[in-house]
Amino acid sequence: MEVKNCKSCGRLFNYIGGPNLCASCQKKLEDKFQEVRQYLEDNPNSSVNQVAEKMDVSVKQIKQWIREERLSLSQPSADGVTCEHCGVPICSGRFCEKCKVNMQNTFSSAIDKPKTPEIKKKERDGNKMRFLQ
């Protein structure tokens, strides 16, 4: 185990994995996420900046939740998250649907699919008894 300082409060904690946050700061962040998610359910047409202002959360944190696909906007907006490949505004994730399909096709064509081996049957003399030599 590794001991690190919490990037939010500065306390020492045993780092296991994930963000550099202690357990209490992770709990606070998760509670804030639930509040933001509830706010977006109640106000579906809100932009990222409006949510950040109303809920007292950084725009960076909201965009991170959207990129992780934990949050989803009802409609893509210019101040929200954009596709990392082509720059089109998106509602959730890292890439737009067009880029996802393009990458999927590229990846599937890059991988050689295993060929099934052909089993050749030896021609024998029918159902006769055979002896080992």
N, C-alpha and C. Protein backbone atom coordinates (compact mmCIF):
# COMPACT_ATOMS: atom_id res chain seq x y z
N MET A 1 0.83 -1.18 0.00
CA MET A 1 0.00 0.00 0.00
C MET A 1 0.87 1.24 0.00
N GLU A 2 0.38 2.26 -0.61
CA GLU A 2 1.10 3.50 -0.72
C GLU A 2 0.38 4.57 0.09
N VAL A 3 1.12 5.42 0.76
CA VAL A 3 0.54 6.52 1.53
C VAL A 3 0.68 7.79 0.71
N LYS A 4 -0.44 8.49 0.51
CA LYS A 4 -0.45 9.74 -0.26
C LYS A 4 -1.22 10.81 0.49
N ASN A 5 -1.06 12.03 0.04
CA ASN A 5 -1.83 13.15 0.56
C ASN A 5 -3.09 13.31 -0.29
N CYS A 6 -4.20 13.57 0.36
CA CYS A 6 -5.46 13.82 -0.33
C CYS A 6 -5.32 15.13 -1.10
N LYS A 7 -5.70 15.14 -2.40
CA LYS A 7 -5.55 16.36 -3.18
C LYS A 7 -6.61 17.41 -2.83
N SER A 8 -7.62 17.01 -2.07
CA SER A 8 -8.66 17.95 -1.69
C SER A 8 -8.39 18.58 -0.32
N CYS A 9 -8.15 17.72 0.69
CA CYS A 9 -8.00 18.24 2.05
C CYS A 9 -6.55 18.18 2.56
N GLY A 10 -5.68 17.41 1.91
CA GLY A 10 -4.28 17.35 2.30
C GLY A 10 -3.94 16.29 3.34
N ARG A 11 -4.93 15.56 3.84
CA ARG A 11 -4.66 14.52 4.84
C ARG A 11 -3.96 13.33 4.21
N LEU A 12 -3.19 12.60 5.02
CA LEU A 12 -2.56 11.37 4.57
C LEU A 12 -3.58 10.24 4.59
N PHE A 13 -3.49 9.36 3.59
CA PHE A 13 -4.37 8.21 3.55
C PHE A 13 -3.68 7.08 2.79
N ASN A 14 -4.16 5.86 2.99
CA ASN A 14 -3.63 4.70 2.28
C ASN A 14 -4.25 4.67 0.89
N TYR A 15 -3.41 4.85 -0.11
CA TYR A 15 -3.87 4.90 -1.50
C TYR A 15 -3.96 3.48 -2.05
N ILE A 16 -5.14 3.10 -2.51
CA ILE A 16 -5.35 1.79 -3.09
C ILE A 16 -5.46 1.91 -4.61
N GLY A 17 -6.15 2.90 -5.08
CA GLY A 17 -6.32 3.13 -6.51
C GLY A 17 -7.38 4.19 -6.72
N GLY A 18 -7.49 4.65 -7.97
CA GLY A 18 -8.49 5.66 -8.30
C GLY A 18 -7.97 7.06 -8.06
N PRO A 19 -8.86 7.99 -7.78
CA PRO A 19 -8.43 9.38 -7.57
C PRO A 19 -7.66 9.53 -6.27
N ASN A 20 -6.83 10.55 -6.21
CA ASN A 20 -6.03 10.81 -5.00
C ASN A 20 -6.87 11.53 -3.95
N LEU A 21 -7.92 10.87 -3.49
CA LEU A 21 -8.81 11.44 -2.48
C LEU A 21 -8.96 10.46 -1.32
N CYS A 22 -9.01 11.03 -0.11
CA CYS A 22 -9.25 10.19 1.06
C CYS A 22 -10.71 9.73 1.06
N ALA A 23 -11.05 8.82 1.93
CA ALA A 23 -12.40 8.24 1.96
C ALA A 23 -13.47 9.29 2.23
N SER A 24 -13.19 10.23 3.15
CA SER A 24 -14.21 11.23 3.46
C SER A 24 -14.43 12.19 2.28
N CYS A 25 -13.35 12.56 1.58
CA CYS A 25 -13.51 13.44 0.42
C CYS A 25 -14.19 12.72 -0.74
N GLN A 26 -13.92 11.44 -0.91
CA GLN A 26 -14.60 10.66 -1.93
C GLN A 26 -16.10 10.60 -1.64
N LYS A 27 -16.44 10.44 -0.37
CA LYS A 27 -17.86 10.40 0.02
C LYS A 27 -18.53 11.74 -0.28
N LYS A 28 -17.85 12.85 0.06
CA LYS A 28 -18.41 14.18 -0.23
C LYS A 28 -18.60 14.38 -1.73
N LEU A 29 -17.62 13.92 -2.52
CA LEU A 29 -17.70 14.06 -3.96
C LEU A 29 -18.85 13.23 -4.52
N GLU A 30 -19.04 12.03 -3.99
CA GLU A 30 -20.14 11.18 -4.44
C GLU A 30 -21.49 11.78 -4.06
N ASP A 31 -21.58 12.38 -2.87
CA ASP A 31 -22.83 13.05 -2.47
C ASP A 31 -23.12 14.22 -3.40
N LYS A 32 -22.09 14.97 -3.76
CA LYS A 32 -22.25 16.11 -4.67
C LYS A 32 -22.69 15.61 -6.05
N PHE A 33 -22.13 14.48 -6.47
CA PHE A 33 -22.53 13.89 -7.76
C PHE A 33 -24.02 13.55 -7.74
N GLN A 34 -24.50 12.96 -6.66
CA GLN A 34 -25.92 12.60 -6.57
C GLN A 34 -26.80 13.84 -6.64
N GLU A 35 -26.35 14.93 -6.00
CA GLU A 35 -27.11 16.19 -6.05
C GLU A 35 -27.16 16.73 -7.48
N VAL A 36 -26.03 16.71 -8.17
CA VAL A 36 -25.96 17.21 -9.55
C VAL A 36 -26.83 16.34 -10.46
N ARG A 37 -26.77 15.04 -10.28
CA ARG A 37 -27.59 14.14 -11.09
C ARG A 37 -29.07 14.42 -10.88
N GLN A 38 -29.47 14.62 -9.62
CA GLN A 38 -30.87 14.94 -9.32
C GLN A 38 -31.27 16.28 -9.94
N TYR A 39 -30.37 17.26 -9.88
CA TYR A 39 -30.65 18.57 -10.47
C TYR A 39 -30.85 18.43 -11.98
N LEU A 40 -30.03 17.62 -12.65
CA LEU A 40 -30.17 17.43 -14.09
C LEU A 40 -31.45 16.69 -14.44
N GLU A 41 -31.90 15.79 -13.57
CA GLU A 41 -33.17 15.11 -13.80
C GLU A 41 -34.33 16.09 -13.68
N ASP A 42 -34.24 17.02 -12.72
CA ASP A 42 -35.30 18.01 -12.52
C ASP A 42 -35.26 19.12 -13.58
N ASN A 43 -34.06 19.45 -14.06
CA ASN A 43 -33.87 20.53 -15.05
C ASN A 43 -33.09 19.97 -16.24
N PRO A 44 -33.75 19.23 -17.11
CA PRO A 44 -33.04 18.51 -18.17
C PRO A 44 -32.36 19.39 -19.22
N ASN A 45 -32.82 20.61 -19.43
CA ASN A 45 -32.24 21.46 -20.48
C ASN A 45 -31.16 22.41 -19.95
N SER A 46 -30.64 22.15 -18.78
CA SER A 46 -29.60 23.01 -18.21
C SER A 46 -28.26 22.76 -18.89
N SER A 47 -27.48 23.83 -19.03
CA SER A 47 -26.14 23.69 -19.60
C SER A 47 -25.14 23.38 -18.48
N VAL A 48 -23.94 23.04 -18.86
CA VAL A 48 -22.90 22.70 -17.88
C VAL A 48 -22.60 23.89 -16.98
N ASN A 49 -22.52 25.06 -17.57
CA ASN A 49 -22.23 26.27 -16.77
C ASN A 49 -23.35 26.58 -15.78
N GLN A 50 -24.59 26.40 -16.18
CA GLN A 50 -25.72 26.64 -15.27
C GLN A 50 -25.69 25.66 -14.11
N VAL A 51 -25.42 24.40 -14.40
CA VAL A 51 -25.36 23.37 -13.35
C VAL A 51 -24.23 23.68 -12.39
N ALA A 52 -23.07 24.05 -12.91
CA ALA A 52 -21.91 24.35 -12.07
C ALA A 52 -22.20 25.53 -11.15
N GLU A 53 -22.87 26.53 -11.68
CA GLU A 53 -23.18 27.72 -10.88
C GLU A 53 -24.22 27.41 -9.80
N LYS A 54 -25.27 26.70 -10.16
CA LYS A 54 -26.35 26.39 -9.20
C LYS A 54 -25.91 25.41 -8.12
N MET A 55 -25.11 24.41 -8.50
CA MET A 55 -24.76 23.35 -7.58
C MET A 55 -23.42 23.54 -6.89
N ASP A 56 -22.72 24.62 -7.20
CA ASP A 56 -21.42 24.93 -6.59
C ASP A 56 -20.41 23.79 -6.81
N VAL A 57 -20.31 23.37 -8.08
CA VAL A 57 -19.36 22.34 -8.49
C VAL A 57 -18.58 22.93 -9.66
N SER A 58 -17.32 22.55 -9.78
CA SER A 58 -16.52 23.09 -10.88
C SER A 58 -16.99 22.50 -12.22
N VAL A 59 -16.83 23.30 -13.26
CA VAL A 59 -17.19 22.86 -14.60
C VAL A 59 -16.33 21.66 -14.99
N LYS A 60 -15.07 21.69 -14.58
CA LYS A 60 -14.14 20.60 -14.87
C LYS A 60 -14.66 19.28 -14.30
N GLN A 61 -15.17 19.30 -13.07
CA GLN A 61 -15.68 18.09 -12.43
C GLN A 61 -16.92 17.57 -13.15
N ILE A 62 -17.81 18.46 -13.55
CA ILE A 62 -19.02 18.04 -14.26
C ILE A 62 -18.64 17.43 -15.61
N LYS A 63 -17.69 18.05 -16.30
CA LYS A 63 -17.26 17.50 -17.59
C LYS A 63 -16.60 16.13 -17.40
N GLN A 64 -15.89 15.95 -16.31
CA GLN A 64 -15.28 14.64 -16.04
C GLN A 64 -16.36 13.58 -15.85
N TRP A 65 -17.40 13.90 -15.11
CA TRP A 65 -18.51 12.96 -14.90
C TRP A 65 -19.20 12.64 -16.24
N ILE A 66 -19.32 13.63 -17.10
CA ILE A 66 -19.95 13.41 -18.41
C ILE A 66 -19.05 12.52 -19.26
N ARG A 67 -17.75 12.77 -19.26
CA ARG A 67 -16.81 11.94 -20.02
C ARG A 67 -16.79 10.49 -19.51
N GLU A 68 -16.96 10.32 -18.19
CA GLU A 68 -17.01 8.97 -17.61
C GLU A 68 -18.36 8.30 -17.86
N GLU A 69 -19.29 9.01 -18.48
CA GLU A 69 -20.64 8.56 -18.77
C GLU A 69 -21.45 8.30 -17.51
N ARG A 70 -21.13 9.01 -16.45
CA ARG A 70 -21.94 8.94 -15.24
C ARG A 70 -23.08 9.94 -15.32
N LEU A 71 -22.87 11.03 -16.05
CA LEU A 71 -23.90 12.03 -16.30
C LEU A 71 -24.12 12.12 -17.80
N SER A 72 -25.32 12.53 -18.18
CA SER A 72 -25.63 12.71 -19.58
C SER A 72 -26.48 13.97 -19.73
N LEU A 73 -26.11 14.82 -20.68
CA LEU A 73 -26.89 16.02 -20.95
C LEU A 73 -28.06 15.64 -21.86
N SER A 74 -29.16 16.38 -21.77
CA SER A 74 -30.31 16.07 -22.61
C SER A 74 -30.07 16.49 -24.05
N GLN A 75 -29.28 17.53 -24.25
CA GLN A 75 -28.95 17.99 -25.59
C GLN A 75 -27.51 18.49 -25.60
N PRO A 76 -26.77 18.23 -26.67
CA PRO A 76 -25.38 18.70 -26.73
C PRO A 76 -25.34 20.22 -26.82
N SER A 77 -24.38 20.81 -26.12
CA SER A 77 -24.23 22.26 -26.16
C SER A 77 -22.76 22.62 -26.36
N ALA A 78 -22.53 23.82 -26.84
CA ALA A 78 -21.17 24.27 -27.14
C ALA A 78 -20.31 24.39 -25.88
N ASP A 79 -20.93 24.74 -24.75
CA ASP A 79 -20.15 24.88 -23.51
C ASP A 79 -19.99 23.55 -22.78
N GLY A 80 -20.58 22.50 -23.33
CA GLY A 80 -20.50 21.17 -22.72
C GLY A 80 -19.27 20.41 -23.19
N VAL A 81 -19.44 19.13 -23.38
CA VAL A 81 -18.35 18.24 -23.77
C VAL A 81 -18.37 18.06 -25.28
N THR A 82 -17.19 18.05 -25.88
CA THR A 82 -17.09 17.83 -27.32
C THR A 82 -16.36 16.51 -27.59
N CYS A 83 -16.59 15.97 -28.77
CA CYS A 83 -15.94 14.74 -29.20
C CYS A 83 -14.43 14.96 -29.25
N GLU A 84 -13.67 14.04 -28.71
CA GLU A 84 -12.21 14.18 -28.67
C GLU A 84 -11.59 14.01 -30.05
N HIS A 85 -12.33 13.44 -30.99
CA HIS A 85 -11.77 13.21 -32.31
C HIS A 85 -12.14 14.32 -33.29
N CYS A 86 -13.43 14.64 -33.40
CA CYS A 86 -13.86 15.61 -34.41
C CYS A 86 -14.32 16.95 -33.84
N GLY A 87 -14.56 17.04 -32.53
CA GLY A 87 -14.92 18.31 -31.90
C GLY A 87 -16.40 18.65 -31.91
N VAL A 88 -17.25 17.74 -32.31
CA VAL A 88 -18.70 17.97 -32.32
C VAL A 88 -19.22 17.90 -30.88
N PRO A 89 -20.13 18.80 -30.48
CA PRO A 89 -20.71 18.71 -29.13
C PRO A 89 -21.48 17.39 -28.94
N ILE A 90 -21.28 16.76 -27.78
CA ILE A 90 -21.93 15.49 -27.49
C ILE A 90 -22.61 15.55 -26.12
N CYS A 91 -23.47 14.59 -25.84
CA CYS A 91 -24.21 14.56 -24.57
C CYS A 91 -23.47 13.80 -23.48
N SER A 92 -22.73 12.76 -23.85
CA SER A 92 -22.09 11.92 -22.86
C SER A 92 -20.94 11.15 -23.52
N GLY A 93 -19.95 10.79 -22.72
CA GLY A 93 -18.84 9.98 -23.22
C GLY A 93 -17.70 10.83 -23.76
N ARG A 94 -16.86 10.20 -24.57
CA ARG A 94 -15.69 10.87 -25.11
C ARG A 94 -15.78 11.11 -26.60
N PHE A 95 -16.57 10.30 -27.31
CA PHE A 95 -16.64 10.39 -28.76
C PHE A 95 -18.09 10.43 -29.22
N CYS A 96 -18.32 11.07 -30.38
CA CYS A 96 -19.67 11.10 -30.97
C CYS A 96 -19.95 9.74 -31.59
N GLU A 97 -21.20 9.49 -31.94
CA GLU A 97 -21.60 8.19 -32.48
C GLU A 97 -20.89 7.91 -33.81
N LYS A 98 -20.74 8.91 -34.64
CA LYS A 98 -20.09 8.72 -35.93
C LYS A 98 -18.64 8.26 -35.75
N CYS A 99 -17.93 8.90 -34.83
CA CYS A 99 -16.53 8.52 -34.57
C CYS A 99 -16.45 7.14 -33.91
N LYS A 100 -17.40 6.81 -33.04
CA LYS A 100 -17.42 5.48 -32.42
C LYS A 100 -17.55 4.39 -33.47
N VAL A 101 -18.48 4.58 -34.41
CA VAL A 101 -18.70 3.60 -35.47
C VAL A 101 -17.46 3.50 -36.34
N ASN A 102 -16.86 4.64 -36.68
CA ASN A 102 -15.66 4.66 -37.51
C ASN A 102 -14.52 3.92 -36.83
N MET A 103 -14.30 4.17 -35.53
CA MET A 103 -13.24 3.49 -34.79
C MET A 103 -13.52 1.99 -34.69
N GLN A 104 -14.76 1.63 -34.47
CA GLN A 104 -15.13 0.22 -34.37
C GLN A 104 -14.82 -0.51 -35.67
N ASN A 105 -15.16 0.12 -36.80
CA ASN A 105 -14.88 -0.49 -38.10
C ASN A 105 -13.38 -0.60 -38.34
N THR A 106 -12.64 0.43 -37.96
CA THR A 106 -11.19 0.42 -38.13
C THR A 106 -10.54 -0.66 -37.29
N PHE A 107 -10.97 -0.78 -36.03
CA PHE A 107 -10.40 -1.78 -35.15
C PHE A 107 -10.74 -3.20 -35.62
N SER A 108 -11.98 -3.41 -36.03
CA SER A 108 -12.37 -4.75 -36.45
C SER A 108 -11.66 -5.16 -37.73
N SER A 109 -11.36 -4.21 -38.62
CA SER A 109 -10.65 -4.57 -39.85
C SER A 109 -9.16 -4.76 -39.58
N ALA A 110 -8.63 -4.18 -38.51
CA ALA A 110 -7.21 -4.31 -38.19
C ALA A 110 -6.88 -5.66 -37.57
N ILE A 111 -7.85 -6.28 -36.98
CA ILE A 111 -7.63 -7.56 -36.31
C ILE A 111 -7.91 -8.68 -37.30
N ASP A 112 -6.93 -9.58 -37.46
CA ASP A 112 -7.14 -10.74 -38.32
C ASP A 112 -7.99 -11.75 -37.57
N LYS A 113 -9.06 -12.13 -38.18
CA LYS A 113 -9.94 -13.11 -37.55
C LYS A 113 -9.35 -14.50 -37.78
N PRO A 114 -9.36 -15.35 -36.75
CA PRO A 114 -8.77 -16.68 -36.93
C PRO A 114 -9.58 -17.50 -37.93
N LYS A 115 -8.84 -18.19 -38.76
CA LYS A 115 -9.48 -19.04 -39.76
C LYS A 115 -9.73 -20.41 -39.15
N THR A 116 -10.86 -20.97 -39.46
CA THR A 116 -11.15 -22.30 -38.94
C THR A 116 -10.39 -23.33 -39.78
N PRO A 117 -9.66 -24.20 -39.12
CA PRO A 117 -8.90 -25.19 -39.88
C PRO A 117 -9.84 -26.22 -40.51
N GLU A 118 -9.49 -26.60 -41.72
CA GLU A 118 -10.29 -27.60 -42.41
C GLU A 118 -9.79 -28.98 -42.02
N ILE A 119 -10.69 -29.80 -41.61
CA ILE A 119 -10.34 -31.16 -41.21
C ILE A 119 -10.51 -32.06 -42.42
N LYS A 120 -9.40 -32.68 -42.81
CA LYS A 120 -9.44 -33.58 -43.96
C LYS A 120 -9.62 -35.00 -43.46
N LYS A 121 -10.60 -35.64 -43.99
CA LYS A 121 -10.85 -37.03 -43.64
C LYS A 121 -10.05 -37.92 -44.57
N LYS A 122 -9.41 -38.89 -43.99
CA LYS A 122 -8.65 -39.83 -44.78
C LYS A 122 -9.63 -40.86 -45.36
N GLU A 123 -9.38 -41.17 -46.59
CA GLU A 123 -10.22 -42.18 -47.21
C GLU A 123 -9.73 -43.55 -46.76
N ARG A 124 -10.61 -44.32 -46.25
CA ARG A 124 -10.27 -45.65 -45.77
C ARG A 124 -11.10 -46.67 -46.52
N ASP A 125 -10.85 -47.85 -46.20
CA ASP A 125 -11.52 -48.94 -46.88
C ASP A 125 -12.88 -49.27 -46.28
N GLY A 126 -13.59 -48.32 -45.82
CA GLY A 126 -14.90 -48.58 -45.28
C GLY A 126 -14.84 -49.04 -43.83
N ASN A 127 -15.74 -49.91 -43.46
CA ASN A 127 -15.85 -50.37 -42.09
C ASN A 127 -15.16 -51.72 -41.89
N LYS A 128 -13.90 -51.80 -42.24
CA LYS A 128 -13.14 -53.04 -42.06
C LYS A 128 -12.35 -52.98 -40.78
N MET A 129 -11.98 -54.13 -40.26
CA MET A 129 -11.16 -54.22 -39.07
C MET A 129 -9.71 -53.91 -39.46
N ARG A 130 -9.04 -53.13 -38.59
CA ARG A 130 -7.66 -52.76 -38.87
C ARG A 130 -6.77 -53.26 -37.73
N PHE A 131 -5.52 -53.56 -38.06
CA PHE A 131 -4.56 -54.03 -37.08
C PHE A 131 -3.37 -53.09 -37.04
N LEU A 132 -2.85 -52.85 -35.85
CA LEU A 132 -1.67 -52.02 -35.72
C LEU A 132 -0.44 -52.84 -36.06
N GLN A 133 0.51 -52.24 -36.66
CA GLN A 133 1.73 -52.96 -37.02
C GLN A 133 2.85 -52.66 -36.06
